[in-house]
């Protein structure tokens, strides 16, 4: 059985374009992605999207962030429903991998209760320090849920055969990671927020807010190198790119 990858849009956020491309004017509406990877040895979810409470009470769940982002997130778009659309049981996911711990990437972690939770040690150490966590925009309500934690340091081979590998892409947050998935058609790189938009990568453009600009540029150069060697990059929040991503069917 080959590795299969499913990509889902789990709601939308609208905000200032400057948040995604520093100095740009206007607004942008962006998708909130999540992914399912099916491997002969198990299933993994990469990023979990928004918490379902943001469908009805974004202000209560997000606080001041609800003033920065308009949330467009309907029932049926949450991760549980997206997984059900491809007959995947959220109770039987083996690994939950977060690119990082912002609300639109870890907000749905509670929907994957039994998985082993995989994140970078840098991110985990930051999350457990209240002052550093607050400065990085991490909310313990998203991630402090009792998962079995696997805090990795650098590259990590999820299933032990090189087909699904966590790649450190520091910069957006202290311990941001991306995920390389090797399909029969070639490598796919799930960038998370290491690369918001295609323009971000093409022009090495950073967002307005970033933990470490030098590390983020270095991570983007690594993504450029992977792309030059044939990997397909799934950009974190590019609405034009995501308009062509099939939903509820395996990526070819």
Protein backbone atom coordinates (compact mmCIF):
# COMPACT_ATOMS: atom_id res chain seq x y z
CA UNK A 1 0.00 0.00 0.00
CA UNK A 2 1.52 3.34 -1.00
CA UNK A 3 1.59 6.41 1.22
CA UNK A 4 -1.49 8.57 0.63
CA UNK A 5 -1.93 12.25 1.41
CA UNK A 6 -5.20 14.12 1.91
CA UNK A 7 -5.37 17.90 2.23
CA UNK A 8 -8.27 19.74 3.84
CA UNK A 9 -9.40 23.33 4.18
CA UNK A 10 -10.67 23.69 7.74
CA UNK A 11 -12.12 27.18 7.70
CA UNK A 12 -10.83 30.58 6.58
CA UNK A 13 -9.27 33.65 8.15
CA UNK A 14 -9.41 37.20 6.82
CA UNK A 15 -6.93 39.84 7.91
CA UNK A 16 -4.48 42.49 6.84
CA UNK A 17 -2.21 41.45 3.96
CA UNK A 18 0.64 43.07 5.88
CA UNK A 19 0.45 40.20 8.39
CA UNK A 20 1.43 37.82 5.59
CA UNK A 21 3.66 40.06 3.45
CA UNK A 22 5.28 42.86 5.44
CA UNK A 23 4.51 46.32 4.05
CA UNK A 24 1.75 45.22 1.66
CA UNK A 25 -1.56 47.07 1.64
CA UNK A 26 -5.08 45.62 1.65
CA UNK A 27 -6.65 42.51 3.07
CA UNK A 28 -6.51 38.80 2.30
CA UNK A 29 -8.74 35.81 2.98
CA UNK A 30 -6.70 32.67 3.56
CA UNK A 31 -7.47 28.97 4.07
CA UNK A 32 -6.65 27.07 7.25
CA UNK A 33 -5.15 23.73 6.15
CA UNK A 34 -4.89 20.33 7.77
CA UNK A 35 -3.59 17.08 6.36
CA UNK A 36 -4.01 13.33 6.77
CA UNK A 37 -1.20 10.95 5.85
CA UNK A 38 -2.03 7.28 5.48
CA UNK A 39 0.98 4.97 5.74
CA UNK A 40 1.05 1.16 5.79
CA UNK A 41 2.09 1.41 9.46
CA UNK A 42 -0.45 3.96 10.59
CA UNK A 43 -2.05 7.35 10.14
CA UNK A 44 -0.77 10.84 10.92
CA UNK A 45 -2.39 14.27 10.99
CA UNK A 46 -0.29 17.33 10.25
CA UNK A 47 -1.79 20.45 11.83
CA UNK A 48 -5.29 20.43 13.24
CA UNK A 49 -6.73 23.80 12.27
CA UNK A 50 -9.05 25.92 14.38
CA UNK A 51 -10.88 24.96 17.54
CA UNK A 52 -14.58 24.24 16.84
CA UNK A 53 -15.61 26.91 19.39
CA UNK A 54 -14.36 29.55 16.97
CA UNK A 55 -17.34 28.66 14.76
CA UNK A 56 -19.73 30.22 17.26
CA UNK A 57 -17.64 32.16 19.82
CA UNK A 58 -14.41 33.40 18.20
CA UNK A 59 -14.05 36.24 20.71
CA UNK A 60 -14.21 33.90 23.69
CA UNK A 61 -11.75 31.45 22.18
CA UNK A 62 -9.27 33.82 20.55
CA UNK A 63 -9.44 36.96 22.66
CA UNK A 64 -7.74 39.94 20.97
CA UNK A 65 -6.91 37.81 17.93
CA UNK A 66 -10.60 37.85 17.02
CA UNK A 67 -10.17 41.59 16.39
CA UNK A 68 -7.21 40.95 14.08
CA UNK A 69 -8.69 38.04 12.13
CA UNK A 70 -12.23 37.56 10.92
CA UNK A 71 -13.04 33.85 11.25
CA UNK A 72 -15.12 32.18 8.54
CA UNK A 73 -15.55 28.64 9.82
CA UNK A 74 -18.76 26.67 9.31
CA UNK A 75 -19.94 23.42 10.91
CA UNK A 76 -18.65 20.54 8.81
CA UNK A 77 -15.30 22.24 8.17
CA UNK A 78 -13.69 21.13 11.43
CA UNK A 79 -11.02 18.45 11.30
CA UNK A 80 -13.26 15.67 12.63
CA UNK A 81 -15.71 16.21 9.79
CA UNK A 82 -12.96 16.45 7.20
CA UNK A 83 -11.50 13.15 8.40
CA UNK A 84 -14.95 11.54 8.32
CA UNK A 85 -15.23 12.56 4.65
CA UNK A 86 -12.37 10.14 3.87
CA UNK A 87 -13.50 7.44 6.35
CA UNK A 88 -10.74 8.20 8.85
CA UNK A 89 -11.54 7.83 12.55
CA UNK A 90 -10.05 10.70 14.61
CA UNK A 91 -9.91 8.33 17.59
CA UNK A 92 -7.52 6.08 15.67
CA UNK A 93 -4.85 8.49 14.47
CA UNK A 94 -1.37 7.34 15.47
CA UNK A 95 0.54 10.63 15.24
CA UNK A 96 -0.53 14.24 15.59
CA UNK A 97 2.22 16.48 14.20
CA UNK A 98 2.02 20.23 14.70
CA UNK A 99 4.08 22.56 12.57
CA UNK A 100 3.83 25.00 15.49
CA UNK A 101 1.45 26.00 18.25
CA UNK A 102 -0.48 28.97 16.90
CA UNK A 103 -4.27 28.87 17.19
CA UNK A 104 -4.92 28.01 13.52
CA UNK A 105 -2.50 25.07 13.51
CA UNK A 106 -3.03 23.50 16.94
CA UNK A 107 -6.55 24.69 17.78
CA UNK A 108 -8.09 21.38 16.72
CA UNK A 109 -5.70 19.14 18.68
CA UNK A 110 -8.48 18.07 21.05
CA UNK A 111 -10.21 16.36 18.11
CA UNK A 112 -7.30 13.88 17.86
CA UNK A 113 -7.25 12.63 21.46
CA UNK A 114 -5.37 9.33 21.26
CA UNK A 115 -2.47 10.16 18.97
CA UNK A 116 1.14 10.54 19.97
CA UNK A 117 1.85 14.25 19.70
CA UNK A 118 5.00 15.15 17.74
CA UNK A 119 6.55 18.60 17.86
CA UNK A 120 10.01 20.07 17.96
CA UNK A 121 11.72 20.30 21.35
CA UNK A 122 12.32 24.02 20.77
CA UNK A 123 8.58 24.56 20.44
CA UNK A 124 7.78 22.36 23.42
CA UNK A 125 10.31 24.16 25.65
CA UNK A 126 8.85 27.51 24.63
CA UNK A 127 5.30 26.34 25.30
CA UNK A 128 6.18 25.23 28.83
CA UNK A 129 7.66 28.62 29.75
CA UNK A 130 4.65 30.88 30.43
CA UNK A 131 6.45 34.11 29.58
CA UNK A 132 7.98 32.80 26.34
CA UNK A 133 4.73 31.08 25.40
CA UNK A 134 2.75 34.31 25.77
CA UNK A 135 5.33 36.22 23.73
CA UNK A 136 5.07 33.59 20.98
CA UNK A 137 1.26 33.64 20.92
CA UNK A 138 0.76 30.13 22.31
CA UNK A 139 -2.42 29.29 24.22
CA UNK A 140 -2.20 26.25 26.50
CA UNK A 141 -5.92 25.62 25.92
CA UNK A 142 -4.97 24.46 22.42
CA UNK A 143 -2.24 21.99 23.35
CA UNK A 144 -2.23 21.16 27.08
CA UNK A 145 -4.59 18.22 26.61
CA UNK A 146 -2.77 15.19 28.01
CA UNK A 147 -1.35 13.79 24.77
CA UNK A 148 1.65 11.49 24.88
CA UNK A 149 4.40 13.93 23.89
CA UNK A 150 7.28 13.16 21.55
CA UNK A 151 9.49 16.27 21.48
CA UNK A 152 12.03 15.74 18.69
CA UNK A 153 15.21 17.66 17.99
CA UNK A 154 15.68 18.24 14.28
CA UNK A 155 14.72 15.83 11.51
CA UNK A 156 12.49 12.95 12.59
CA UNK A 157 11.41 9.96 10.51
CA UNK A 158 7.85 9.28 11.60
CA UNK A 159 7.46 5.71 10.32
CA UNK A 160 11.12 4.74 10.04
CA UNK A 161 11.32 4.36 6.26
CA UNK A 162 12.01 7.90 5.05
CA UNK A 163 8.53 8.45 3.62
CA UNK A 164 7.19 10.91 6.23
CA UNK A 165 9.85 13.11 7.79
CA UNK A 166 9.61 16.15 10.07
CA UNK A 167 11.99 18.88 8.88
CA UNK A 168 12.99 21.77 11.16
CA UNK A 169 12.07 25.08 9.54
CA UNK A 170 12.80 27.50 12.36
CA UNK A 171 11.95 31.17 12.32
CA UNK A 172 8.21 31.70 12.23
CA UNK A 173 8.20 30.38 15.80
CA UNK A 174 11.12 29.03 17.87
CA UNK A 175 10.52 25.40 16.88
CA UNK A 176 8.53 25.49 13.65
CA UNK A 177 8.70 22.32 11.55
CA UNK A 178 7.47 21.27 8.11
CA UNK A 179 6.65 17.76 6.90
CA UNK A 180 8.06 15.96 3.85
CA UNK A 181 5.79 13.26 2.46
CA UNK A 182 7.13 10.90 -0.20
CA UNK A 183 4.34 9.86 -2.57
CA UNK A 184 4.66 7.58 -5.58
CA UNK A 185 4.61 10.74 -7.72
CA UNK A 186 7.45 12.36 -5.76
CA UNK A 187 8.04 14.45 -2.66
CA UNK A 188 5.48 16.86 -1.24
CA UNK A 189 6.57 19.42 1.34
CA UNK A 190 3.88 20.64 3.74
CA UNK A 191 5.36 23.98 4.70
CA UNK A 192 3.08 25.09 7.53
CA UNK A 193 3.87 28.74 8.22
CA UNK A 194 7.49 28.49 7.08
CA UNK A 195 6.05 29.84 3.84
CA UNK A 196 2.65 31.53 3.87
CA UNK A 197 2.24 32.24 0.16
CA UNK A 198 3.88 31.35 -3.15
CA UNK A 199 5.12 34.94 -3.33
CA UNK A 200 6.76 34.47 0.05
CA UNK A 201 8.97 31.76 -1.38
CA UNK A 202 9.48 33.23 -4.85
CA UNK A 203 10.57 36.62 -3.49
CA UNK A 204 11.80 35.63 0.00
CA UNK A 205 9.21 37.92 1.58
CA UNK A 206 8.60 37.68 5.32
CA UNK A 207 5.44 38.45 7.28
CA UNK A 208 5.31 41.48 9.55
CA UNK A 209 5.60 39.39 12.72
CA UNK A 210 8.28 36.72 12.93
CA UNK A 211 10.22 35.17 15.79
CA UNK A 212 13.60 35.12 14.02
CA UNK A 213 13.85 36.71 10.57
CA UNK A 214 17.28 35.25 9.77
CA UNK A 215 16.19 31.72 10.66
CA UNK A 216 12.98 32.09 8.67
CA UNK A 217 14.88 33.24 5.58
CA UNK A 218 17.23 30.28 5.97
CA UNK A 219 14.24 27.94 6.20
CA UNK A 220 12.70 29.46 3.08
CA UNK A 221 15.97 28.97 1.21
CA UNK A 222 15.86 25.33 2.24
CA UNK A 223 12.34 25.07 0.84
CA UNK A 224 13.54 26.71 -2.37
CA UNK A 225 16.29 24.10 -2.63
CA UNK A 226 13.82 21.27 -2.10
CA UNK A 227 11.54 22.75 -4.74
CA UNK A 228 14.45 23.03 -7.17
CA UNK A 229 15.08 19.33 -6.63
CA UNK A 230 11.51 18.47 -7.54
CA UNK A 231 9.48 18.69 -4.32
CA UNK A 232 6.00 20.18 -4.55
CA UNK A 233 5.49 22.85 -1.89
CA UNK A 234 2.10 23.13 -0.22
CA UNK A 235 2.05 26.76 0.88
CA UNK A 236 0.66 27.43 4.34
CA UNK A 237 -2.09 29.92 3.53
CA UNK A 238 -2.05 30.75 -0.18
CA UNK A 239 -5.68 31.09 -1.36
CA UNK A 240 -4.78 30.86 -5.06
CA UNK A 241 -2.75 27.70 -4.52
CA UNK A 242 -5.43 26.11 -2.35
CA UNK A 243 -8.15 26.82 -4.90
CA UNK A 244 -6.65 23.98 -6.96
CA UNK A 245 -6.07 21.51 -4.09
CA UNK A 246 -8.57 18.63 -4.23
CA UNK A 247 -10.61 18.00 -1.08
CA UNK A 248 -11.58 14.56 0.24
CA UNK A 249 -9.49 12.77 -2.37
CA UNK A 250 -5.90 11.59 -2.26
CA UNK A 251 -3.25 13.91 -3.70
CA UNK A 252 -1.75 12.41 -6.84
